[in-house]
Amino acid sequence: MIAASRPRWADIAGGVTTFVTMAYIVVVNPAILSAPGTGIPFAGAASATVLVACSMTLLMGAWAKLPFAVAPGMGLNALVAYTIILGDGVPWQTAFGIVFWAGVLFLVVSMTPLREQIATAIPAGLRLGVSAGIGLLLTVIGLRAAGLVAPNEATMIGPGAFDHRGVLLLAGLATALVLMRRNSPLAFLSAIGVVSGAAWVFGFAQPPDRLLSPPDFSSVFLQLDVVSALAPALWPSIAAVLFTDLFDSLATFIGVATAAGLTDKDGRPLHLRRGLIVDAWATMTSGLAGTSSGTAFVESLSGIRMGGRSGWASVVTAGCFLPCFFIAPLAGAIPEYATAAVLVLVGVAMFQSAAGITFSKIEEALPAFLTLILIPLTFSITQGLLWGFVSQPLAFAVSGRAREVSPALWALAVLAAGLLLLH
């Protein structure tokens, strides 16, 4: 637990700031998971989102002693909803079973030397390609919700109708951009609020008939199917959740800790092992609760910059999530396209990682590019990730750089090839 000390005012300010910057997930995550065709109830997904955010952020602060907030991650929710459930036709109960087993494997990896071996075996280009590809996928989802793109039999995807949804997308983007330029933590929430308010006022959507209700712990909580999730055909999905979650966690811990100076004398993030174990527990808990994988949020950096540098900041953030258990009617009345601006802006932020790919060397660029482009084209993070694993060592081998490929990466390539055959 946290050492016997009291939270400083800076920790309180930092914890509240972190909550405000990431509170959009309470609306956006259940909106993605309950997309038409998934069968997941919005209210259940919303309660599960808050449960994971509150409990795992508290664990991160009290046990790992880190000022990092945890919640179901962007990209990971798209993986579950659009790749596994809608793309592969997996029932949502089984999909949450997949999330649970990925959490079990993540916990094993986090508690053994496998963590370092996997982290060092996967080239930076592939990690960057996955992040950029997920950014493109989220952008496509947002643009489709706003009606700007639509399915097209001849070209797979084509222009949609420019109607009130497109106009409100522009309004949401303008609102967020103005506030982001002023470093306001309310940028994303304000964009959702402006679009939703306009939709209610002009009759494009129905406002909520009530603002509060008890949390829903009956529709998705503990409804996962852990047995069906172990079918061999679903092993690629388990691997995709595991690796995507692992990449996301490592990138967040390393990036935020480095930017905030929360590192040891060798430059390694403080309490990294404990932080990753909490992330693993967050993924397992997410499967049990009925949501996509929980992970540390990069928005935690905003709270750290406000002075929240101890585990108390996370305890404060966890407390801020408690009232969110009761706002499901309000969140459920928010139209799907109200979150489009947030999805586009998150996509922009994630796509920036493509700038780090070494395009001047084709053997490094090709695997990263295949990973990046296959994710949005196939609507499958799994496909992009597995093809990246297969193509990376092959590209190095035919380019005369086979000695630079570690045995662990060759093993991942063989595993990925096998999973592609099963998929």
Protein backbone atom coordinates (compact mmCIF):
# COMPACT_ATOMS: atom_id res chain seq x y z
CA MET A 1 0.00 0.00 0.00
CA ILE A 2 0.96 3.66 -0.17
CA ALA A 3 3.42 4.68 2.46
CA ALA A 4 1.92 6.31 5.56
CA SER A 5 1.78 9.85 4.19
CA ARG A 6 -0.91 12.27 3.25
CA PRO A 7 -1.63 13.37 -0.30
CA ARG A 8 -0.19 16.75 -1.21
CA TRP A 9 -2.37 19.40 -2.81
CA ALA A 10 -0.34 18.80 -5.96
CA ASP A 11 -1.37 15.12 -5.95
CA ILE A 12 -5.01 16.12 -5.58
CA ALA A 13 -4.77 18.64 -8.42
CA GLY A 14 -2.89 16.14 -10.57
CA GLY A 15 -5.37 13.34 -9.89
CA VAL A 16 -8.35 15.52 -10.79
CA THR A 17 -6.60 16.77 -13.93
CA THR A 18 -5.88 13.22 -15.09
CA PHE A 19 -9.53 12.29 -14.57
CA VAL A 20 -10.82 15.27 -16.55
CA THR A 21 -8.50 14.56 -19.49
CA MET A 22 -9.55 10.90 -19.75
CA ALA A 23 -13.20 11.05 -18.60
CA TYR A 24 -14.26 10.85 -22.25
CA ILE A 25 -13.57 7.11 -22.08
CA VAL A 26 -16.71 6.69 -19.95
CA VAL A 27 -18.74 7.64 -23.04
CA VAL A 28 -16.50 6.61 -25.93
CA ASN A 29 -15.63 3.08 -24.78
CA PRO A 30 -19.21 1.81 -24.32
CA ALA A 31 -20.19 3.59 -27.54
CA ILE A 32 -17.60 1.58 -29.48
CA LEU A 33 -18.35 -1.72 -27.72
CA SER A 34 -22.11 -1.37 -28.23
CA ALA A 35 -21.81 -0.57 -31.94
CA PRO A 36 -24.69 -2.03 -34.00
CA GLY A 37 -24.23 -5.77 -34.39
CA THR A 38 -22.10 -6.47 -31.32
CA GLY A 39 -25.07 -7.16 -29.03
CA ILE A 40 -23.37 -5.52 -26.04
CA PRO A 41 -25.71 -3.35 -23.93
CA PHE A 42 -24.48 0.22 -23.60
CA ALA A 43 -25.38 0.52 -19.90
CA GLY A 44 -23.55 -2.68 -19.02
CA ALA A 45 -20.46 -1.65 -20.97
CA ALA A 46 -20.55 1.78 -19.31
CA SER A 47 -20.69 0.31 -15.81
CA ALA A 48 -17.89 -2.12 -16.69
CA THR A 49 -15.79 0.75 -18.00
CA VAL A 50 -16.15 2.70 -14.77
CA LEU A 51 -15.55 -0.40 -12.63
CA VAL A 52 -12.25 -1.15 -14.35
CA ALA A 53 -11.15 2.49 -14.34
CA CYS A 54 -11.96 2.99 -10.67
CA SER A 55 -10.61 -0.29 -9.25
CA MET A 56 -7.48 -0.61 -11.36
CA THR A 57 -6.48 3.05 -11.04
CA LEU A 58 -6.81 2.62 -7.27
CA LEU A 59 -4.59 -0.48 -7.44
CA MET A 60 -2.04 1.38 -9.56
CA GLY A 61 -1.80 4.10 -6.94
CA ALA A 62 -2.06 2.05 -3.75
CA TRP A 63 0.11 -0.93 -4.72
CA ALA A 64 2.30 0.10 -7.67
CA LYS A 65 2.67 3.61 -6.19
CA LEU A 66 2.48 5.19 -9.64
CA PRO A 67 0.48 8.27 -10.74
CA PHE A 68 -0.88 6.44 -13.79
CA ALA A 69 -4.62 6.06 -14.38
CA VAL A 70 -5.99 2.86 -15.89
CA ALA A 71 -9.09 2.33 -18.04
CA PRO A 72 -10.21 0.35 -21.11
CA GLY A 73 -7.87 1.54 -23.85
CA MET A 74 -8.59 3.16 -27.17
CA GLY A 75 -7.62 0.78 -29.95
CA LEU A 76 -8.12 -2.18 -27.68
CA ASN A 77 -11.87 -1.48 -27.71
CA ALA A 78 -11.83 -1.32 -31.51
CA LEU A 79 -9.95 -4.64 -31.57
CA VAL A 80 -12.68 -6.33 -29.52
CA ALA A 81 -15.69 -4.71 -31.18
CA TYR A 82 -14.70 -4.43 -34.84
CA THR A 83 -12.09 -7.16 -35.32
CA ILE A 84 -13.16 -9.95 -33.00
CA ILE A 85 -16.95 -9.54 -32.65
CA LEU A 86 -18.04 -7.89 -35.92
CA GLY A 87 -15.17 -9.03 -38.15
CA ASP A 88 -14.75 -12.61 -36.99
CA GLY A 89 -18.34 -13.17 -35.87
CA VAL A 90 -17.37 -14.09 -32.30
CA PRO A 91 -20.17 -13.75 -29.68
CA TRP A 92 -19.45 -10.96 -27.23
CA GLN A 93 -19.41 -13.39 -24.30
CA THR A 94 -16.59 -15.32 -25.98
CA ALA A 95 -14.81 -12.08 -26.90
CA PHE A 96 -14.64 -11.12 -23.23
CA GLY A 97 -13.32 -14.62 -22.53
CA ILE A 98 -10.55 -13.85 -25.02
CA VAL A 99 -9.77 -10.65 -23.13
CA PHE A 100 -9.60 -12.61 -19.87
CA TRP A 101 -7.16 -15.23 -21.20
CA ALA A 102 -5.01 -12.51 -22.75
CA GLY A 103 -4.86 -10.98 -19.27
CA VAL A 104 -3.76 -14.30 -17.79
CA LEU A 105 -0.93 -14.55 -20.33
CA PHE A 106 -0.03 -10.90 -19.76
CA LEU A 107 0.25 -11.59 -16.03
CA VAL A 108 2.58 -14.53 -16.68
CA VAL A 109 4.70 -12.42 -19.03
CA SER A 110 4.83 -9.54 -16.55
CA MET A 111 5.99 -11.75 -13.68
CA THR A 112 8.76 -13.54 -15.59
CA PRO A 113 11.79 -12.59 -17.71
CA LEU A 114 9.60 -13.11 -20.79
CA ARG A 115 8.61 -9.44 -20.47
CA GLU A 116 12.10 -8.21 -21.31
CA GLN A 117 12.65 -10.89 -23.98
CA ILE A 118 9.45 -10.00 -25.83
CA ALA A 119 10.03 -6.27 -25.44
CA THR A 120 13.54 -6.49 -26.92
CA ALA A 121 12.63 -9.02 -29.63
CA ILE A 122 9.99 -6.89 -31.35
CA PRO A 123 11.55 -4.21 -33.57
CA ALA A 124 10.59 -0.61 -32.92
CA GLY A 125 9.26 -0.30 -36.47
CA LEU A 126 6.57 -2.91 -35.84
CA ARG A 127 5.50 -1.28 -32.60
CA LEU A 128 5.26 2.07 -34.38
CA GLY A 129 3.35 0.49 -37.25
CA VAL A 130 0.79 -1.05 -34.92
CA SER A 131 0.18 2.27 -33.17
CA ALA A 132 -0.16 4.18 -36.45
CA GLY A 133 -2.42 1.50 -37.93
CA ILE A 134 -4.74 1.60 -34.93
CA GLY A 135 -4.83 5.38 -35.31
CA LEU A 136 -6.02 4.99 -38.90
CA LEU A 137 -8.62 2.42 -37.86
CA LEU A 138 -10.05 4.71 -35.17
CA THR A 139 -10.17 7.55 -37.69
CA VAL A 140 -12.10 5.42 -40.18
CA ILE A 141 -14.54 4.39 -37.42
CA GLY A 142 -15.05 8.05 -36.51
CA LEU A 143 -15.52 9.17 -40.11
CA ARG A 144 -17.98 6.35 -40.73
CA ALA A 145 -19.98 7.33 -37.64
CA ALA A 146 -20.12 10.88 -39.02
CA GLY A 147 -21.34 9.57 -42.38
CA LEU A 148 -18.35 10.87 -44.36
CA VAL A 149 -17.30 7.40 -45.51
CA ALA A 150 -19.52 4.42 -46.31
CA PRO A 151 -19.18 0.85 -47.63
CA ASN A 152 -18.87 0.61 -51.41
CA GLU A 153 -19.07 -2.70 -53.30
CA ALA A 154 -16.81 -1.51 -56.11
CA THR A 155 -14.09 0.19 -54.07
CA MET A 156 -14.64 -1.37 -50.60
CA ILE A 157 -15.05 2.06 -49.08
CA GLY A 158 -16.29 5.31 -50.60
CA PRO A 159 -17.70 8.75 -49.78
CA GLY A 160 -20.85 8.94 -47.73
CA ALA A 161 -23.54 11.58 -47.44
CA PHE A 162 -22.58 14.98 -46.03
CA ASP A 163 -25.45 15.74 -43.67
CA HIS A 164 -25.93 17.04 -40.13
CA ARG A 165 -23.48 14.42 -38.84
CA GLY A 166 -20.66 15.85 -40.94
CA VAL A 167 -21.49 19.40 -39.90
CA LEU A 168 -21.48 18.41 -36.23
CA LEU A 169 -18.19 16.55 -36.71
CA LEU A 170 -16.64 19.82 -37.89
CA ALA A 171 -18.16 21.60 -34.90
CA GLY A 172 -16.74 19.00 -32.56
CA LEU A 173 -13.29 19.19 -34.14
CA ALA A 174 -13.31 22.99 -33.97
CA THR A 175 -14.30 22.93 -30.31
CA ALA A 176 -11.59 20.42 -29.40
CA LEU A 177 -8.89 22.20 -31.41
CA VAL A 178 -9.59 25.57 -29.79
CA LEU A 179 -9.35 24.06 -26.32
CA MET A 180 -6.34 21.88 -27.17
CA ARG A 181 -4.47 24.99 -28.33
CA ARG A 182 -5.12 26.37 -24.86
CA ASN A 183 -3.97 23.11 -23.22
CA SER A 184 -7.42 22.63 -21.70
CA PRO A 185 -8.04 19.18 -20.21
CA LEU A 186 -11.72 19.57 -21.15
CA ALA A 187 -11.08 19.48 -24.92
CA PHE A 188 -12.51 16.02 -25.67
CA LEU A 189 -15.39 16.22 -23.21
CA SER A 190 -16.35 19.63 -24.57
CA ALA A 191 -16.38 18.35 -28.16
CA ILE A 192 -18.73 15.52 -27.17
CA GLY A 193 -20.89 17.94 -25.18
CA VAL A 194 -21.18 20.50 -27.98
CA VAL A 195 -22.17 17.92 -30.60
CA SER A 196 -24.61 16.14 -28.29
CA GLY A 197 -26.22 19.40 -27.18
CA ALA A 198 -26.66 20.58 -30.77
CA ALA A 199 -28.11 17.20 -31.78
CA TRP A 200 -30.66 17.36 -28.94
CA VAL A 201 -31.60 20.99 -29.56
CA PHE A 202 -32.15 20.55 -33.31
CA GLY A 203 -33.98 17.25 -32.96
CA PHE A 204 -31.36 14.96 -34.52
CA ALA A 205 -31.22 12.87 -31.33
CA GLN A 206 -33.40 12.38 -28.27
CA PRO A 207 -32.15 13.91 -25.01
CA PRO A 208 -32.07 11.61 -21.96
CA ASP A 209 -35.37 11.14 -20.15
CA ARG A 210 -33.42 11.05 -16.88
CA LEU A 211 -29.85 11.85 -15.90
CA LEU A 212 -29.07 9.17 -13.31
CA SER A 213 -29.66 5.47 -12.77
CA PRO A 214 -28.12 2.64 -10.74
CA PRO A 215 -25.10 0.92 -12.33
CA ASP A 216 -25.81 -2.11 -14.52
CA PHE A 217 -24.02 -5.14 -13.11
CA SER A 218 -26.34 -7.74 -14.60
CA SER A 219 -26.11 -7.60 -18.40
CA VAL A 220 -22.38 -8.15 -19.06
CA PHE A 221 -20.73 -8.53 -15.64
CA LEU A 222 -19.32 -12.10 -15.28
CA GLN A 223 -21.07 -13.13 -18.53
CA LEU A 224 -17.83 -14.09 -20.30
CA ASP A 225 -17.38 -17.51 -21.91
CA VAL A 226 -13.88 -18.68 -20.95
CA VAL A 227 -14.28 -22.18 -22.42
CA SER A 228 -15.27 -21.18 -25.97
CA ALA A 229 -12.52 -18.54 -25.95
CA LEU A 230 -9.88 -21.30 -25.87
CA ALA A 231 -10.89 -22.73 -29.26
CA PRO A 232 -7.77 -22.99 -31.48
CA ALA A 233 -9.36 -20.74 -34.12
CA LEU A 234 -9.41 -17.94 -31.54
CA TRP A 235 -5.77 -18.21 -30.49
CA PRO A 236 -4.79 -15.46 -32.98
CA SER A 237 -7.28 -13.14 -31.29
CA ILE A 238 -5.85 -13.91 -27.85
CA ALA A 239 -2.35 -13.22 -29.21
CA ALA A 240 -3.52 -9.96 -30.79
CA VAL A 241 -5.07 -8.71 -27.54
CA LEU A 242 -1.96 -9.77 -25.59
CA PHE A 243 0.59 -8.11 -27.86
CA THR A 244 -1.47 -4.98 -28.49
CA ASP A 245 -1.98 -4.56 -24.76
CA LEU A 246 1.71 -5.26 -24.05
CA PHE A 247 2.85 -2.72 -26.67
CA ASP A 248 0.41 -0.14 -25.37
CA SER A 249 1.48 -0.64 -21.76
CA LEU A 250 5.21 -0.57 -22.41
CA ALA A 251 4.92 2.49 -24.66
CA THR A 252 2.84 4.35 -22.06
CA PHE A 253 5.02 3.48 -19.09
CA ILE A 254 8.29 4.23 -20.89
CA GLY A 255 7.04 7.35 -22.67
CA VAL A 256 5.22 8.95 -19.74
CA ALA A 257 7.87 8.04 -17.16
CA THR A 258 10.64 9.43 -19.36
CA ALA A 259 8.76 12.65 -20.10
CA ALA A 260 7.93 13.11 -16.41
CA GLY A 261 11.34 12.13 -15.05
CA LEU A 262 9.92 9.14 -13.15
CA THR A 263 12.93 6.96 -13.95
CA ASP A 264 15.87 5.46 -12.07
CA LYS A 265 19.52 6.37 -12.64
CA ASP A 266 19.65 4.02 -15.64
CA GLY A 267 16.65 5.65 -17.29
CA ARG A 268 14.24 2.79 -16.59
CA PRO A 269 10.68 3.62 -15.45
CA LEU A 270 10.14 3.35 -11.71
CA HIS A 271 8.13 0.34 -10.51
CA LEU A 272 7.76 -0.92 -14.11
CA ARG A 273 7.20 -4.54 -13.08
CA ARG A 274 4.45 -3.62 -10.63
CA GLY A 275 2.86 -1.29 -13.16
CA LEU A 276 2.73 -4.02 -15.81
CA ILE A 277 1.29 -6.48 -13.30
CA VAL A 278 -1.50 -4.00 -12.55
CA ASP A 279 -2.06 -3.66 -16.31
CA ALA A 280 -2.34 -7.43 -16.57
CA TRP A 281 -4.85 -7.53 -13.74
CA ALA A 282 -6.74 -4.73 -15.49
CA THR A 283 -7.06 -6.88 -18.63
CA MET A 284 -8.27 -9.90 -16.66
CA THR A 285 -10.70 -7.72 -14.70
CA SER A 286 -11.97 -6.19 -17.94
CA GLY A 287 -12.92 -9.60 -19.29
CA LEU A 288 -14.75 -10.41 -16.07
CA ALA A 289 -16.49 -7.03 -15.90
CA GLY A 290 -17.57 -7.01 -19.56
CA THR A 291 -15.35 -4.56 -21.40
CA SER A 292 -12.20 -4.42 -23.52
CA SER A 293 -8.71 -4.53 -22.05
CA GLY A 294 -7.72 -2.02 -19.41
CA THR A 295 -4.39 -0.26 -19.78
CA ALA A 296 -2.46 2.71 -18.44
CA PHE A 297 -3.50 6.00 -20.05
CA VAL A 298 -1.03 8.42 -21.59
CA GLU A 299 -3.32 11.23 -20.37
CA SER A 300 -1.79 10.56 -16.95
CA LEU A 301 1.05 12.83 -18.07
CA SER A 302 -1.25 15.85 -17.80
CA GLY A 303 -1.86 15.13 -14.13
CA ILE A 304 1.83 14.50 -13.49
CA ARG A 305 2.64 17.88 -14.99
CA MET A 306 0.15 19.41 -12.55
CA GLY A 307 2.25 17.98 -9.72
CA GLY A 308 0.71 14.55 -9.13
CA ARG A 309 3.86 12.48 -8.89
CA SER A 310 2.97 9.86 -6.28
CA GLY A 311 0.48 7.03 -6.04
CA TRP A 312 -1.91 9.36 -4.21
CA ALA A 313 -2.67 11.08 -7.51
CA SER A 314 -4.07 7.80 -8.86
CA VAL A 315 -6.09 7.28 -5.68
CA VAL A 316 -7.68 10.70 -6.26
CA THR A 317 -8.38 9.87 -9.93
CA ALA A 318 -10.02 6.59 -8.91
CA GLY A 319 -12.30 8.48 -6.53
CA CYS A 320 -13.32 10.86 -9.30
CA PHE A 321 -14.65 7.92 -11.33
CA LEU A 322 -17.14 6.84 -8.63
CA PRO A 323 -19.98 9.23 -9.61
CA CYS A 324 -19.71 7.98 -13.21
CA PHE A 325 -21.39 4.72 -12.17
CA PHE A 326 -24.71 6.56 -12.16
CA ILE A 327 -24.69 8.53 -15.45
CA ALA A 328 -25.54 5.74 -17.91
CA PRO A 329 -28.81 7.39 -19.10
CA LEU A 330 -26.98 10.61 -19.93
CA ALA A 331 -24.11 8.77 -21.62
CA GLY A 332 -26.49 6.50 -23.53
CA ALA A 333 -28.35 9.48 -25.03
CA ILE A 334 -25.18 10.78 -26.66
CA PRO A 335 -25.42 10.04 -30.42
CA GLU A 336 -22.78 7.84 -32.02
CA TYR A 337 -21.41 10.65 -34.19
CA ALA A 338 -20.80 12.83 -31.11
CA THR A 339 -17.68 10.77 -30.41
CA ALA A 340 -16.43 11.00 -34.01
CA ALA A 341 -14.28 14.07 -33.38
CA VAL A 342 -12.59 12.36 -30.43
CA LEU A 343 -11.89 9.25 -32.50
CA VAL A 344 -10.35 11.33 -35.28
CA LEU A 345 -8.16 13.31 -32.88
CA VAL A 346 -7.02 10.18 -31.04
CA GLY A 347 -6.27 8.72 -34.47
CA VAL A 348 -4.11 11.74 -35.31
CA ALA A 349 -2.21 11.37 -32.06
CA MET A 350 -1.55 7.66 -32.62
CA PHE A 351 -0.62 8.08 -36.28
CA GLN A 352 2.22 10.39 -35.31
CA SER A 353 4.23 7.29 -34.42
CA ALA A 354 4.59 6.60 -38.17
CA ALA A 355 7.16 9.41 -38.25
CA GLY A 356 9.54 7.17 -36.33
CA ILE A 357 9.53 4.39 -38.95
CA THR A 358 12.78 4.14 -40.93
CA PHE A 359 11.42 4.42 -44.48
CA SER A 360 14.90 4.86 -45.95
CA LYS A 361 15.60 1.12 -45.44
CA ILE A 362 13.07 -1.02 -47.26
CA GLU A 363 13.64 -4.09 -45.09
CA GLU A 364 12.57 -2.05 -42.06
CA ALA A 365 9.89 -0.02 -43.80
CA LEU A 366 8.03 -2.89 -45.51
CA PRO A 367 7.02 -4.88 -42.39
CA ALA A 368 6.03 -1.70 -40.54
CA PHE A 369 4.04 -0.47 -43.56
CA LEU A 370 2.26 -3.81 -44.01
CA THR A 371 1.31 -3.75 -40.34
CA LEU A 372 0.14 -0.14 -40.57
CA ILE A 373 -1.92 -0.47 -43.73
CA LEU A 374 -3.47 -3.91 -43.15
CA ILE A 375 -5.07 -2.83 -39.86
CA PRO A 376 -7.47 -0.28 -41.40
CA LEU A 377 -7.90 -2.12 -44.72
CA THR A 378 -8.91 -5.41 -43.07
CA PHE A 379 -10.51 -3.76 -40.02
CA SER A 380 -8.36 -6.23 -38.11
CA ILE A 381 -5.55 -5.35 -35.73
CA THR A 382 -4.87 -9.08 -35.54
CA GLN A 383 -4.07 -9.35 -39.25
CA GLY A 384 -1.75 -6.36 -39.26
CA LEU A 385 0.13 -7.58 -36.20
CA LEU A 386 0.58 -11.17 -37.39
CA TRP A 387 1.72 -10.15 -40.90
CA GLY A 388 4.19 -7.78 -39.33
CA PHE A 389 5.69 -10.59 -37.26
CA VAL A 390 5.97 -12.83 -40.34
CA SER A 391 7.37 -10.24 -42.74
CA GLN A 392 9.97 -8.63 -40.45
CA PRO A 393 12.47 -11.53 -40.19
CA LEU A 394 11.88 -12.55 -43.81
CA ALA A 395 12.63 -9.03 -45.04
CA PHE A 396 15.83 -8.93 -42.98
CA ALA A 397 16.88 -12.40 -44.15
CA VAL A 398 16.57 -11.66 -47.88
CA SER A 399 18.31 -8.30 -47.36
CA GLY A 400 21.40 -9.94 -45.87
CA ARG A 401 20.65 -8.94 -42.28
CA ALA A 402 19.56 -12.33 -40.97
CA ARG A 403 22.11 -12.16 -38.16
CA GLU A 404 20.26 -9.17 -36.74
CA VAL A 405 17.08 -11.21 -36.26
CA SER A 406 16.90 -12.60 -32.75
CA PRO A 407 15.81 -16.20 -32.09
CA ALA A 408 12.84 -14.79 -30.19
CA LEU A 409 11.65 -12.87 -33.28
CA TRP A 410 12.01 -15.98 -35.45
CA ALA A 411 9.92 -17.83 -32.86
CA LEU A 412 7.28 -15.09 -32.98
CA ALA A 413 7.28 -15.31 -36.79
CA VAL A 414 6.68 -19.06 -36.72
CA LEU A 415 3.93 -18.58 -34.11
CA ALA A 416 2.34 -15.82 -36.18
CA ALA A 417 2.41 -17.95 -39.34
CA GLY A 418 0.70 -20.76 -37.48
CA LEU A 419 -1.92 -18.41 -36.11
CA LEU A 420 -2.58 -17.01 -39.60
CA LEU A 421 -3.26 -20.55 -40.79
CA LEU A 422 -5.67 -21.10 -37.88
CA HIS A 423 -7.44 -17.74 -38.33
